Amino acid sequence: MLTLLHIRNVVLIDQMSLDFRAGLSALTGETGAGKSILLDSLGLALGARADAGLVRKGTDQAVVSAEFHLDDDHPVFSVIEEQGIAAQSPLILRRILGSDGRSRAYINDEPVSISFLKEVGEALVDIHGQFETYGLLNPATHREMLDLYAGHMSVLRDMAAAYQAVKMHETALAEAKDAASRAAENEAYLRACVAELEKLDPQEGEEAELLERRKALQNRESILETLGFAVEALGGEQGADMQIGQVMRTLSRQMDKIGAEKLESIQESLDRAATEVQDACRQLESLQYEWSGEGYRLEDIEDRLYALRGAARKHGCLCDDLPRLRTEMGDKLKLVDYQDHIIADMTKALAVAQKDYRCIADTLHAARVAAAAKIDRAVMAELKPLKLDRAVFQTSVEAGSSDAQWGPYGYDVVQFRVATNAGSDFGPLNKIASGGEMARFMLALKVVLAEKSAIRSVYVFDEIDTGIGGATASAVGERLAKLAMAHQVMVVTHSPQVAARAAHHWVVSKASGGTRVVPLDKTAREEEIARMLSGAEITPEARAAASKLLEAG
């Protein structure tokens, strides 16, 4: 909820801080006292269009800050996190307007664009009477409001997934057709390249392996010399193998004198050593054969490297990319050779995805039509006490006429419409109803929607009581109080019946230094409501009536 509004240098306001609370808050005061300045100030903080005329004369800039305390799961936090702003409460929206008309915007002291400030502001506050594009007066919000009212969240998730599947198949099909067309144009070139690469048969990592072999072969003479020495030292006529055998035979001849039990472990060790030496000799001889044979010719390795690097230069890639390139070119040729079958299969897959989408969209459409009838009945029940008993409210749910109107939320176009008299044409709220009627329509609709909304919002009504009084004004006050049970509501009003329903009451007045806003206690509230009832001269009868209104509220 909105907890603090700080204003500096806005028109008649030098400096002012207003602390707000939950429930219904009323702002009253005589015409021209400056109530509109407070709404203009709040609008600035929420991203409304700025006018340099709002800057107090004699000052360089106006500054307005609005502080909100929100639940941790409020959806606005995900919006600001996408902009790299920490999601934390309180959330402070600040606007600085210069006398030259230029302005700057901040959220939690992080600079943001005015458009982003407005986006966040619209997610936090619905001001009726100041910004006609805000909230429910904007038809773009009607579908979302209907879905929230009906609780369509699960089917909407399925709808979004089905839409993404359709777009994925559409993109894949378009890319396949484009690739097939380009492949057909380059068919001769592709076939020559694939044949060349097939013959070359490059392998990933082959270049590094050849370089390692080349480096080794460049040292072959010294390697063969080392291997020859090792073989001779171990297996030659005077090698270790012969020496071990001679030692074993000599010890055997002296076994009787030394003792068999003393020589047993020595003989076993020498036997193992002989076996290991013989095994090493075999491995060394195998290496000798490999390094001296035809399988490791330096000329062959140089030729292979030359062929691989030549192919890589031709195709503008690395040697290790040649196997991938061969596969990609082969796939393009498959599109040429089998494009009819491939594109037919992809077209069928798209048709299946579109069928799934239509099935979910049809289900959602039927659910929206049913929810629309329900919300219409609920709003109509609210209209009669608000002196709108001759009006008709209608939620229009129209299915899109072409696939081009498909979207992640289905194909429906939803709009809240009214007819001010039964039998007259329906139209959008802001086109058909007068200012006062529109405000009461909006109040009825918001009261109905508030019953289903889990997100606490801030609603501001400006002069919702225009052209009404008596029982109708009481009905407006009653519904504002009902709305305030789930949301924070502020109302600028001239109606004593509305003001009496408020949990908190401020009076706006002119002072020598400019506009002044004062919170009222019980006694002061009774006096202000009496003034609203009787005018400039407050009579005992007006005070008694004010007391009765406050008791009823």
Protein backbone atom coordinates (compact mmCIF):
# COMPACT_ATOMS: atom_id res chain seq x y z
CA MET A 1 0.00 0.00 0.00
CA LEU A 2 0.96 3.66 -0.34
CA THR A 3 2.40 4.75 3.00
CA LEU A 4 4.03 8.10 2.31
CA LEU A 5 3.72 10.90 -0.24
CA HIS A 6 6.37 13.63 -0.01
CA ILE A 7 5.87 16.77 -2.09
CA ARG A 8 8.24 19.71 -2.54
CA ASN A 9 7.75 22.83 -4.68
CA VAL A 10 4.60 21.74 -6.52
CA VAL A 11 2.37 24.75 -7.39
CA LEU A 12 1.18 26.10 -4.01
CA ILE A 13 2.91 23.44 -1.92
CA ASP A 14 6.29 24.39 -0.48
CA GLN A 15 6.94 21.12 1.33
CA MET A 16 4.52 18.47 2.58
CA SER A 17 4.60 14.84 3.74
CA LEU A 18 1.41 12.78 3.98
CA ASP A 19 1.30 9.47 5.85
CA PHE A 20 -1.35 7.10 4.51
CA ARG A 21 -2.88 4.01 6.09
CA ALA A 22 -4.85 0.98 5.03
CA GLY A 23 -8.60 1.24 4.45
CA LEU A 24 -10.63 4.14 3.08
CA SER A 25 -9.13 7.64 3.26
CA ALA A 26 -11.14 10.76 2.37
CA LEU A 27 -9.76 14.14 1.28
CA THR A 28 -12.22 16.99 1.51
CA GLY A 29 -12.09 20.77 1.31
CA GLU A 30 -13.62 23.71 -0.45
CA THR A 31 -13.39 24.05 -4.22
CA GLY A 32 -10.02 25.54 -5.19
CA ALA A 33 -8.34 24.53 -1.95
CA GLY A 34 -5.79 22.43 -3.80
CA LYS A 35 -7.07 18.86 -3.73
CA SER A 36 -6.22 18.45 -7.41
CA ILE A 37 -2.61 19.44 -6.65
CA LEU A 38 -2.27 16.36 -4.44
CA LEU A 39 -3.48 14.11 -7.25
CA ASP A 40 -1.22 15.87 -9.76
CA SER A 41 1.69 15.26 -7.40
CA LEU A 42 0.87 11.58 -6.99
CA GLY A 43 0.51 11.33 -10.76
CA LEU A 44 4.01 12.75 -11.21
CA ALA A 45 5.48 10.08 -8.95
CA LEU A 46 3.62 7.42 -10.93
CA GLY A 47 4.95 8.54 -14.31
CA ALA A 48 2.15 10.80 -15.58
CA ARG A 49 2.89 13.43 -18.22
CA ALA A 50 4.68 16.40 -16.64
CA ASP A 51 3.88 20.09 -17.09
CA ALA A 52 6.46 22.72 -16.14
CA GLY A 53 3.54 24.74 -14.74
CA LEU A 54 3.49 22.37 -11.76
CA VAL A 55 6.84 23.72 -10.53
CA ARG A 56 6.34 26.31 -7.77
CA LYS A 57 7.16 29.84 -8.92
CA GLY A 58 10.60 31.00 -7.93
CA THR A 59 12.06 27.46 -7.64
CA ASP A 60 14.18 25.42 -10.02
CA GLN A 61 12.52 22.05 -9.62
CA ALA A 62 9.65 20.10 -8.06
CA VAL A 63 10.24 16.76 -6.34
CA VAL A 64 7.63 14.11 -5.49
CA SER A 65 8.31 10.74 -3.82
CA ALA A 66 5.77 7.97 -3.22
CA GLU A 67 6.68 5.16 -0.83
CA PHE A 68 4.96 1.75 -1.00
CA HIS A 69 5.08 -1.18 1.41
CA LEU A 70 4.30 -4.35 -0.54
CA ASP A 71 4.06 -8.09 0.03
CA ASP A 72 7.14 -10.05 -1.02
CA ASP A 73 5.21 -11.80 -3.81
CA HIS A 74 3.82 -8.61 -5.37
CA PRO A 75 4.13 -8.97 -9.20
CA VAL A 76 5.72 -5.53 -9.56
CA PHE A 77 8.94 -6.90 -8.05
CA SER A 78 9.51 -9.23 -11.01
CA VAL A 79 9.08 -6.22 -13.32
CA ILE A 80 11.72 -4.09 -11.59
CA GLU A 81 14.14 -7.02 -11.19
CA GLU A 82 14.23 -7.33 -15.00
CA GLN A 83 15.70 -3.81 -14.98
CA GLY A 84 18.38 -4.77 -12.44
CA ILE A 85 16.67 -3.03 -9.52
CA ALA A 86 16.65 -4.85 -6.18
CA ALA A 87 13.20 -6.14 -5.21
CA GLN A 88 12.76 -4.77 -1.73
CA SER A 89 10.15 -3.03 0.35
CA PRO A 90 9.62 -0.14 0.78
CA LEU A 91 9.52 0.62 -2.92
CA ILE A 92 10.14 4.33 -3.52
CA LEU A 93 9.12 6.05 -6.76
CA ARG A 94 10.61 9.53 -7.20
CA ARG A 95 10.17 12.17 -9.91
CA ILE A 96 12.10 15.41 -10.31
CA LEU A 97 10.55 18.02 -12.62
CA GLY A 98 12.60 21.04 -13.68
CA SER A 99 11.20 24.48 -14.42
CA ASP A 100 12.28 23.91 -18.04
CA GLY A 101 9.87 20.96 -18.31
CA ARG A 102 12.54 18.26 -18.22
CA SER A 103 12.14 15.50 -15.69
CA ARG A 104 14.04 12.56 -14.20
CA ALA A 105 12.70 9.39 -12.64
CA TYR A 106 14.05 7.03 -9.98
CA ILE A 107 12.97 3.76 -8.39
CA ASN A 108 14.73 3.01 -5.10
CA ASP A 109 17.26 5.71 -6.09
CA GLU A 110 18.08 3.89 -9.35
CA PRO A 111 17.56 6.08 -12.46
CA VAL A 112 14.85 4.77 -14.81
CA SER A 113 13.01 6.02 -17.88
CA ILE A 114 9.73 7.89 -17.49
CA SER A 115 7.95 5.16 -19.46
CA PHE A 116 9.23 2.49 -17.07
CA LEU A 117 8.20 4.59 -14.06
CA LYS A 118 4.72 4.80 -15.59
CA GLU A 119 4.64 1.01 -16.14
CA VAL A 120 5.48 0.43 -12.47
CA GLY A 121 3.07 3.14 -11.36
CA GLU A 122 0.20 1.52 -13.26
CA ALA A 123 0.96 -1.77 -11.53
CA LEU A 124 0.66 -0.11 -8.12
CA VAL A 125 -2.07 2.54 -8.31
CA ASP A 126 -5.31 2.94 -10.24
CA ILE A 127 -6.28 6.63 -10.36
CA HIS A 128 -9.72 7.38 -11.73
CA GLY A 129 -10.50 10.88 -12.85
CA GLN A 130 -6.96 11.96 -13.69
CA PHE A 131 -5.40 9.53 -16.15
CA GLU A 132 -7.93 8.02 -18.51
CA THR A 133 -5.52 5.36 -19.80
CA TYR A 134 -4.89 3.91 -16.34
CA GLY A 135 -6.36 0.69 -15.04
CA LEU A 136 -9.74 -0.56 -16.15
CA LEU A 137 -10.38 2.32 -18.53
CA ASN A 138 -7.68 0.84 -20.74
CA PRO A 139 -9.25 -1.98 -22.87
CA ALA A 140 -5.86 -3.70 -22.98
CA THR A 141 -6.37 -4.66 -19.31
CA HIS A 142 -9.86 -6.13 -19.66
CA ARG A 143 -8.84 -9.63 -20.73
CA GLU A 144 -6.40 -9.91 -17.85
CA MET A 145 -9.03 -8.68 -15.38
CA LEU A 146 -11.60 -11.19 -16.63
CA ASP A 147 -9.07 -14.03 -16.35
CA LEU A 148 -8.09 -13.00 -12.83
CA TYR A 149 -11.75 -12.84 -11.83
CA ALA A 150 -12.43 -16.30 -13.27
CA GLY A 151 -9.19 -17.90 -12.03
CA HIS A 152 -7.98 -19.08 -15.45
CA MET A 153 -4.31 -19.32 -14.39
CA SER A 154 -3.88 -23.05 -15.08
CA VAL A 155 -5.42 -23.01 -18.56
CA LEU A 156 -3.50 -19.82 -19.36
CA ARG A 157 -0.23 -21.64 -18.64
CA ASP A 158 -1.31 -24.42 -21.03
CA MET A 159 -2.33 -21.76 -23.55
CA ALA A 160 1.08 -20.06 -23.41
CA ALA A 161 2.88 -23.41 -23.85
CA ALA A 162 0.69 -24.33 -26.83
CA TYR A 163 1.33 -20.94 -28.43
CA GLN A 164 5.09 -21.33 -28.01
CA ALA A 165 4.87 -24.78 -29.63
CA VAL A 166 3.03 -23.31 -32.64
CA LYS A 167 5.60 -20.52 -33.02
CA MET A 168 8.46 -23.03 -32.74
CA HIS A 169 7.01 -25.21 -35.51
CA GLU A 170 6.24 -22.16 -37.67
CA THR A 171 9.82 -20.94 -37.33
CA ALA A 172 11.28 -24.39 -38.05
CA LEU A 173 9.11 -24.81 -41.14
CA ALA A 174 9.97 -21.37 -42.48
CA GLU A 175 13.67 -21.99 -41.91
CA ALA A 176 13.46 -25.41 -43.61
CA LYS A 177 11.74 -23.92 -46.68
CA ASP A 178 14.30 -21.13 -46.86
CA ALA A 179 17.20 -23.59 -46.44
CA ALA A 180 15.77 -25.90 -49.11
CA SER A 181 15.44 -22.99 -51.53
CA ARG A 182 19.01 -21.83 -50.95
CA ALA A 183 20.32 -25.41 -51.09
CA ALA A 184 18.63 -25.98 -54.45
CA GLU A 185 20.32 -22.86 -55.84
CA ASN A 186 23.74 -24.15 -54.71
CA GLU A 187 23.13 -27.83 -55.35
CA ALA A 188 26.09 -28.36 -57.72
CA TYR A 189 28.49 -26.61 -55.38
CA LEU A 190 27.20 -28.53 -52.36
CA ARG A 191 27.53 -31.89 -54.09
CA ALA A 192 31.12 -31.13 -55.13
CA CYS A 193 32.02 -30.01 -51.61
CA VAL A 194 30.39 -33.00 -49.94
CA ALA A 195 32.15 -35.40 -52.36
CA GLU A 196 35.47 -33.71 -51.65
CA LEU A 197 34.97 -33.86 -47.88
CA GLU A 198 33.75 -37.45 -48.00
CA LYS A 199 36.94 -38.40 -49.85
CA LEU A 200 39.09 -36.43 -47.42
CA ASP A 201 37.19 -37.87 -44.42
CA PRO A 202 38.46 -35.34 -41.85
CA GLN A 203 38.25 -36.30 -38.17
CA GLU A 204 37.85 -34.00 -35.19
CA GLY A 205 41.20 -33.57 -33.42
CA GLU A 206 43.10 -35.05 -36.36
CA GLU A 207 45.27 -31.97 -36.97
CA ALA A 208 46.57 -31.95 -33.39
CA GLU A 209 47.31 -35.68 -33.58
CA LEU A 210 49.22 -35.28 -36.85
CA LEU A 211 51.25 -32.40 -35.46
CA GLU A 212 52.19 -34.55 -32.48
CA ARG A 213 53.23 -37.42 -34.79
CA ARG A 214 55.22 -35.07 -37.00
CA LYS A 215 57.09 -33.69 -34.04
CA ALA A 216 57.92 -37.21 -32.92
CA LEU A 217 59.00 -38.36 -36.40
CA GLN A 218 61.33 -35.40 -36.72
CA ASN A 219 63.26 -37.01 -33.82
CA ARG A 220 62.96 -40.61 -35.14
CA GLU A 221 66.70 -41.29 -35.46
CA SER A 222 67.43 -40.44 -31.85
CA ILE A 223 64.32 -42.36 -30.75
CA LEU A 224 65.39 -45.51 -32.69
CA GLU A 225 68.89 -45.22 -31.27
CA THR A 226 67.48 -45.04 -27.74
CA LEU A 227 65.16 -47.98 -28.35
CA GLY A 228 68.04 -50.06 -29.81
CA PHE A 229 70.23 -49.36 -26.83
CA ALA A 230 67.41 -50.34 -24.46
CA VAL A 231 66.73 -53.62 -26.31
CA GLU A 232 70.41 -54.52 -26.36
CA ALA A 233 70.88 -53.61 -22.71
CA LEU A 234 68.01 -55.78 -21.65
CA GLY A 235 67.94 -58.62 -24.18
CA GLY A 236 71.35 -58.69 -25.87
CA GLU A 237 74.09 -61.28 -25.38
CA GLN A 238 75.37 -59.30 -22.42
CA GLY A 239 71.97 -57.88 -21.53
CA ALA A 240 70.08 -57.98 -18.27
CA ASP A 241 68.05 -61.01 -19.31
CA MET A 242 71.21 -63.07 -19.93
CA GLN A 243 72.82 -61.77 -16.73
CA ILE A 244 69.82 -62.76 -14.62
CA GLY A 245 69.79 -66.22 -16.18
CA GLN A 246 73.49 -66.69 -15.48
CA VAL A 247 73.03 -65.62 -11.83
CA MET A 248 70.15 -68.06 -11.37
CA ARG A 249 72.20 -70.95 -12.83
CA THR A 250 75.24 -70.15 -10.67
CA LEU A 251 73.13 -70.00 -7.49
CA SER A 252 71.49 -73.31 -8.38
CA ARG A 253 74.88 -75.03 -8.56
CA GLN A 254 75.70 -73.82 -5.04
CA MET A 255 72.25 -74.59 -3.55
CA ASP A 256 73.49 -77.56 -1.47
CA LYS A 257 76.17 -75.45 0.11
CA ILE A 258 74.07 -72.30 0.70
CA GLY A 259 70.80 -73.99 1.52
CA ALA A 260 67.69 -74.32 -0.59
CA GLU A 261 65.48 -72.58 1.95
CA LYS A 262 67.73 -69.52 1.95
CA LEU A 263 67.81 -69.27 -1.86
CA GLU A 264 64.11 -69.94 -2.46
CA SER A 265 62.85 -66.36 -2.15
CA ILE A 266 65.90 -65.04 -4.07
CA GLN A 267 65.23 -67.44 -6.92
CA GLU A 268 61.56 -66.35 -7.02
CA SER A 269 62.54 -62.68 -7.21
CA LEU A 270 65.06 -63.36 -9.98
CA ASP A 271 62.44 -65.39 -11.85
CA ARG A 272 59.97 -62.48 -11.65
CA ALA A 273 62.65 -60.04 -12.75
CA ALA A 274 63.49 -62.21 -15.75
CA THR A 275 59.82 -62.29 -16.75
CA GLU A 276 59.46 -58.47 -16.43
CA VAL A 277 62.66 -57.88 -18.41
CA GLN A 278 61.52 -60.21 -21.18
CA ASP A 279 58.12 -58.42 -21.32
CA ALA A 280 59.86 -55.03 -21.53
CA CYS A 281 62.06 -56.34 -24.33
CA ARG A 282 59.03 -57.44 -26.35
CA GLN A 283 57.38 -53.99 -25.96
CA LEU A 284 60.60 -52.20 -26.92
CA GLU A 285 61.01 -54.40 -30.00
CA SER A 286 57.41 -53.63 -30.99
CA LEU A 287 58.14 -49.89 -30.76
CA GLN A 288 61.28 -50.40 -32.81
CA TYR A 289 59.23 -52.04 -35.52
CA GLU A 290 56.64 -49.26 -35.55
CA TRP A 291 59.16 -46.44 -35.71
CA SER A 292 61.26 -48.13 -38.37
CA GLY A 293 58.29 -49.35 -40.45
CA GLU A 294 56.32 -47.67 -43.27
CA GLY A 295 53.29 -46.76 -41.08
CA TYR A 296 54.96 -43.61 -39.70
CA ARG A 297 56.35 -41.77 -42.70
CA LEU A 298 56.97 -38.06 -42.23
CA GLU A 299 56.07 -37.39 -45.88
CA ASP A 300 52.62 -38.95 -45.44
CA ILE A 301 51.90 -36.82 -42.39
CA GLU A 302 52.98 -33.62 -44.17
CA ASP A 303 50.71 -34.46 -47.13
CA ARG A 304 47.73 -35.11 -44.83
CA LEU A 305 48.23 -31.84 -42.97
CA TYR A 306 48.46 -29.98 -46.27
CA ALA A 307 45.20 -31.51 -47.52
CA LEU A 308 43.30 -30.77 -44.28
CA ARG A 309 44.52 -27.18 -44.05
CA GLY A 310 43.77 -26.57 -47.71
CA ALA A 311 40.16 -27.69 -47.23
CA ALA A 312 39.86 -25.52 -44.11
CA ARG A 313 41.13 -22.44 -46.00
CA LYS A 314 38.72 -23.12 -48.84
CA HIS A 315 35.71 -23.17 -46.51
CA GLY A 316 36.98 -20.48 -44.16
CA CYS A 317 36.99 -22.62 -41.03
CA LEU A 318 39.28 -24.57 -38.71
CA CYS A 319 40.40 -28.10 -39.50
CA ASP A 320 38.37 -29.36 -36.53
CA ASP A 321 35.23 -27.77 -38.05
CA LEU A 322 35.48 -29.80 -41.29
CA PRO A 323 33.55 -32.85 -39.95
CA ARG A 324 30.70 -30.58 -38.78
CA LEU A 325 30.74 -28.74 -42.10
CA ARG A 326 30.49 -32.05 -43.98
CA THR A 327 27.43 -32.98 -41.89
CA GLU A 328 25.75 -29.58 -42.39
CA MET A 329 26.31 -29.66 -46.16
CA GLY A 330 25.01 -33.22 -46.25
CA ASP A 331 21.88 -32.14 -44.39
CA LYS A 332 21.32 -29.34 -46.90
CA LEU A 333 21.57 -31.85 -49.72
CA LYS A 334 19.04 -34.03 -47.93
CA LEU A 335 16.69 -31.02 -48.01
CA VAL A 336 17.18 -30.91 -51.77
CA ASP A 337 16.79 -34.67 -52.24
CA TYR A 338 14.00 -35.20 -49.70
CA GLN A 339 12.58 -31.71 -49.22
CA ASP A 340 9.04 -32.71 -50.14
CA HIS A 341 8.98 -35.40 -47.44
CA ILE A 342 10.77 -33.28 -44.81
CA ILE A 343 8.60 -30.20 -45.34
CA ALA A 344 5.46 -32.36 -45.46
CA ASP A 345 6.38 -33.88 -42.07
CA MET A 346 7.10 -30.45 -40.60
CA THR A 347 3.82 -29.12 -41.99
CA LYS A 348 1.97 -31.99 -40.33
CA ALA A 349 3.74 -31.27 -37.03
CA LEU A 350 2.69 -27.61 -37.28
CA ALA A 351 -0.92 -28.64 -38.00
CA VAL A 352 -0.92 -30.84 -34.87
CA ALA A 353 0.44 -27.95 -32.77
CA GLN A 354 -2.18 -25.60 -34.22
CA LYS A 355 -4.92 -28.11 -33.48
CA ASP A 356 -3.75 -28.40 -29.87
CA TYR A 357 -3.69 -24.59 -29.64
CA ARG A 358 -7.23 -24.29 -31.01
CA CYS A 359 -8.48 -26.94 -28.60
CA ILE A 360 -7.10 -25.08 -25.56
CA ALA A 361 -8.15 -21.70 -26.98
CA ASP A 362 -11.71 -22.97 -27.55
CA THR A 363 -11.83 -24.23 -23.95
CA LEU A 364 -10.56 -20.87 -22.71
CA HIS A 365 -13.03 -18.99 -24.91
CA ALA A 366 -15.97 -20.97 -23.47
CA ALA A 367 -14.67 -20.36 -19.92
CA ARG A 368 -14.35 -16.63 -20.63
CA VAL A 369 -17.87 -16.42 -22.03
CA ALA A 370 -19.22 -18.11 -18.89
CA ALA A 371 -17.13 -15.85 -16.64
CA ALA A 372 -18.29 -12.79 -18.59
CA ALA A 373 -21.94 -13.64 -17.91
CA LYS A 374 -21.11 -14.08 -14.23
CA ILE A 375 -19.24 -10.79 -13.92
CA ASP A 376 -22.01 -8.99 -15.83
CA ARG A 377 -24.61 -10.18 -13.32
CA ALA A 378 -22.42 -9.14 -10.39
CA VAL A 379 -21.80 -5.64 -11.80
CA MET A 380 -25.46 -5.16 -12.70
CA ALA A 381 -26.37 -5.93 -9.08
CA GLU A 382 -24.11 -3.05 -8.02
CA LEU A 383 -25.49 -0.50 -10.52
CA LYS A 384 -29.03 0.03 -9.20
CA PRO A 385 -28.03 1.43 -5.78
CA LEU A 386 -25.56 3.71 -7.58
CA LYS A 387 -28.41 5.39 -9.50
CA LEU A 388 -27.45 3.56 -12.70
CA ASP A 389 -30.47 1.25 -12.76
CA ARG A 390 -31.25 2.08 -16.40
CA ALA A 391 -27.74 1.21 -17.56
CA VAL A 392 -26.53 -2.15 -18.83
CA PHE A 393 -23.04 -3.53 -18.35
CA GLN A 394 -21.66 -6.10 -20.78
CA THR A 395 -18.38 -7.99 -21.07
CA SER A 396 -17.73 -8.63 -24.75
CA VAL A 397 -15.70 -11.75 -25.56
CA GLU A 398 -15.09 -11.98 -29.30
CA ALA A 399 -13.02 -14.70 -30.94
CA GLY A 400 -10.35 -13.50 -33.36
CA SER A 401 -11.35 -13.96 -36.97
CA SER A 402 -7.90 -15.00 -38.26
CA ASP A 403 -4.80 -16.89 -37.17
CA ALA A 404 -2.97 -13.57 -37.13
CA GLN A 405 -4.88 -12.73 -33.92
CA TRP A 406 -3.52 -15.76 -32.08
CA GLY A 407 -1.44 -15.01 -29.04
CA PRO A 408 -0.12 -16.58 -25.83
CA TYR A 409 -3.44 -15.68 -24.15
CA GLY A 410 -5.67 -17.21 -26.80
CA TYR A 411 -7.53 -15.52 -29.62
CA ASP A 412 -10.16 -13.59 -27.63
CA VAL A 413 -10.66 -9.83 -27.64
CA VAL A 414 -12.24 -8.84 -24.31
CA GLN A 415 -13.80 -5.46 -23.63
CA PHE A 416 -15.98 -4.06 -20.84
CA ARG A 417 -18.81 -2.08 -22.45
CA VAL A 418 -21.88 -0.16 -21.25
CA ALA A 419 -25.16 1.13 -22.54
CA THR A 420 -26.49 3.99 -20.43
CA ASN A 421 -30.07 3.00 -21.26
CA ALA A 422 -31.56 -0.39 -22.10
CA GLY A 423 -31.82 -0.73 -25.86
CA SER A 424 -29.15 1.85 -26.68
CA ASP A 425 -25.87 0.95 -28.32
CA PHE A 426 -23.02 -0.44 -26.28
CA GLY A 427 -19.68 1.34 -26.21
CA PRO A 428 -16.50 1.67 -24.13
CA LEU A 429 -16.84 3.26 -20.69
CA ASN A 430 -14.86 6.39 -21.48
CA LYS A 431 -16.82 7.03 -24.68
CA ILE A 432 -20.41 6.39 -23.55
CA ALA A 433 -20.69 7.45 -19.90
CA SER A 434 -20.39 10.94 -18.43
CA GLY A 435 -17.67 11.68 -15.88
CA GLY A 436 -19.83 10.94 -12.85
CA GLU A 437 -21.46 7.88 -14.43
CA MET A 438 -18.11 6.54 -15.51
CA ALA A 439 -16.74 6.83 -11.98
CA ARG A 440 -19.69 4.88 -10.58
CA PHE A 441 -19.39 2.23 -13.29
CA MET A 442 -15.73 1.86 -12.41
CA LEU A 443 -16.53 1.63 -8.70
CA ALA A 444 -19.08 -1.13 -9.29
CA LEU A 445 -16.65 -3.05 -11.47
CA LYS A 446 -13.76 -2.67 -9.04
CA VAL A 447 -15.87 -3.82 -6.11
CA VAL A 448 -16.75 -6.99 -8.04
CA LEU A 449 -13.16 -7.64 -9.17
CA ALA A 450 -11.73 -6.95 -5.71
CA GLU A 451 -13.52 -10.02 -4.35
CA LYS A 452 -11.36 -12.25 -6.57
CA SER A 453 -8.05 -10.39 -6.49
CA ALA A 454 -5.26 -11.73 -4.27
CA ILE A 455 -3.05 -8.69 -4.99
CA ARG A 456 -3.70 -5.68 -2.76
CA SER A 457 -3.96 -2.56 -4.91
CA VAL A 458 -4.29 1.18 -4.36
CA TYR A 459 -7.38 2.86 -5.82
CA VAL A 460 -7.83 6.62 -6.03
CA PHE A 461 -11.17 8.20 -6.97
CA ASP A 462 -11.47 11.88 -7.82
CA GLU A 463 -14.94 13.42 -7.42
CA ILE A 464 -16.78 10.12 -7.82
CA ASP A 465 -19.81 11.82 -6.24
CA THR A 466 -20.33 14.34 -9.07
CA GLY A 467 -24.03 14.95 -9.67
CA ILE A 468 -25.33 12.65 -6.92
CA GLY A 469 -26.49 12.99 -3.34
CA GLY A 470 -28.64 11.41 -0.68
CA ALA A 471 -29.13 7.64 -0.94
CA THR A 472 -26.93 7.37 -4.05
CA ALA A 473 -24.03 9.11 -2.30
CA SER A 474 -24.52 6.78 0.67
CA ALA A 475 -24.39 3.79 -1.70
CA VAL A 476 -21.15 5.11 -3.19
CA GLY A 477 -19.66 5.51 0.28
CA GLU A 478 -20.78 2.02 1.25
CA ARG A 479 -19.13 0.48 -1.82
CA LEU A 480 -15.93 2.45 -1.33
CA ALA A 481 -15.76 1.13 2.22
CA LYS A 482 -16.43 -2.40 0.93
CA LEU A 483 -13.63 -2.04 -1.62
CA ALA A 484 -11.33 -0.74 1.12
CA MET A 485 -11.74 -3.99 3.06
CA ALA A 486 -9.43 -5.69 0.52
CA HIS A 487 -7.55 -2.72 -0.95
CA GLN A 488 -6.29 0.72 -0.01
CA VAL A 489 -8.77 3.33 -1.27
CA MET A 490 -8.50 7.13 -1.39
CA VAL A 491 -11.32 9.40 -2.44
CA VAL A 492 -11.45 13.12 -3.13
CA THR A 493 -15.03 13.99 -2.36
CA HIS A 494 -17.56 16.77 -1.81
CA SER A 495 -20.13 14.33 -0.44
CA PRO A 496 -20.61 14.17 3.34
CA GLN A 497 -22.14 10.68 2.98
CA VAL A 498 -18.94 9.44 1.31
CA ALA A 499 -16.58 11.21 3.71
CA ALA A 500 -18.42 9.77 6.71
CA ARG A 501 -17.61 6.23 5.54
CA ALA A 502 -13.86 6.85 5.63
CA ALA A 503 -11.57 5.36 8.25
CA HIS A 504 -9.19 8.31 7.82
CA HIS A 505 -10.04 11.89 6.92
CA TRP A 506 -7.88 14.83 5.78
CA VAL A 507 -9.06 18.34 4.99
CA VAL A 508 -7.34 20.40 2.32
CA SER A 509 -7.35 24.17 2.73
CA LYS A 510 -5.61 27.31 1.58
CA ALA A 511 -3.17 29.01 3.94
CA SER A 512 -0.93 32.06 3.68
CA GLY A 513 2.01 29.88 2.71
CA GLY A 514 0.04 27.80 0.20
CA THR A 515 -1.97 24.58 0.40
CA ARG A 516 -2.29 22.83 3.75
CA VAL A 517 -3.47 19.26 4.49
CA VAL A 518 -4.54 18.40 8.04
CA PRO A 519 -5.62 15.00 9.43
CA LEU A 520 -8.88 15.21 11.39
CA ASP A 521 -9.80 13.66 14.73
CA LYS A 522 -13.38 12.68 15.57
CA THR A 523 -14.46 16.17 16.66
CA ALA A 524 -12.83 17.88 13.70
CA ARG A 525 -14.37 15.33 11.33
CA GLU A 526 -17.84 16.08 12.66
CA GLU A 527 -17.25 19.80 12.11
CA GLU A 528 -15.94 19.26 8.53
CA ILE A 529 -18.86 17.02 7.57
CA ALA A 530 -21.27 19.57 9.08
CA ARG A 531 -19.63 22.22 6.87
CA MET A 532 -20.09 19.95 3.85
CA LEU A 533 -23.78 19.58 4.75
CA SER A 534 -24.66 23.22 5.46
CA GLY A 535 -22.04 25.36 3.70
CA ALA A 536 -20.27 28.39 5.17
CA GLU A 537 -22.59 28.71 8.24
CA ILE A 538 -22.56 25.54 10.31
CA THR A 539 -25.86 25.06 12.12
CA PRO A 540 -26.65 22.84 15.12
CA GLU A 541 -28.85 20.78 12.83
CA ALA A 542 -25.87 20.22 10.48
CA ARG A 543 -23.70 19.11 13.40
CA ALA A 544 -26.39 16.66 14.52
CA ALA A 545 -26.72 15.29 11.00
CA ALA A 546 -22.92 14.98 10.74
CA SER A 547 -22.80 13.08 14.01
CA LYS A 548 -25.50 10.72 12.78
CA LEU A 549 -23.64 10.11 9.51
CA LEU A 550 -20.44 9.29 11.36
CA GLU A 551 -22.24 6.89 13.67
CA ALA A 552 -23.81 5.13 10.66
CA GLY A 553 -20.48 4.99 8.85
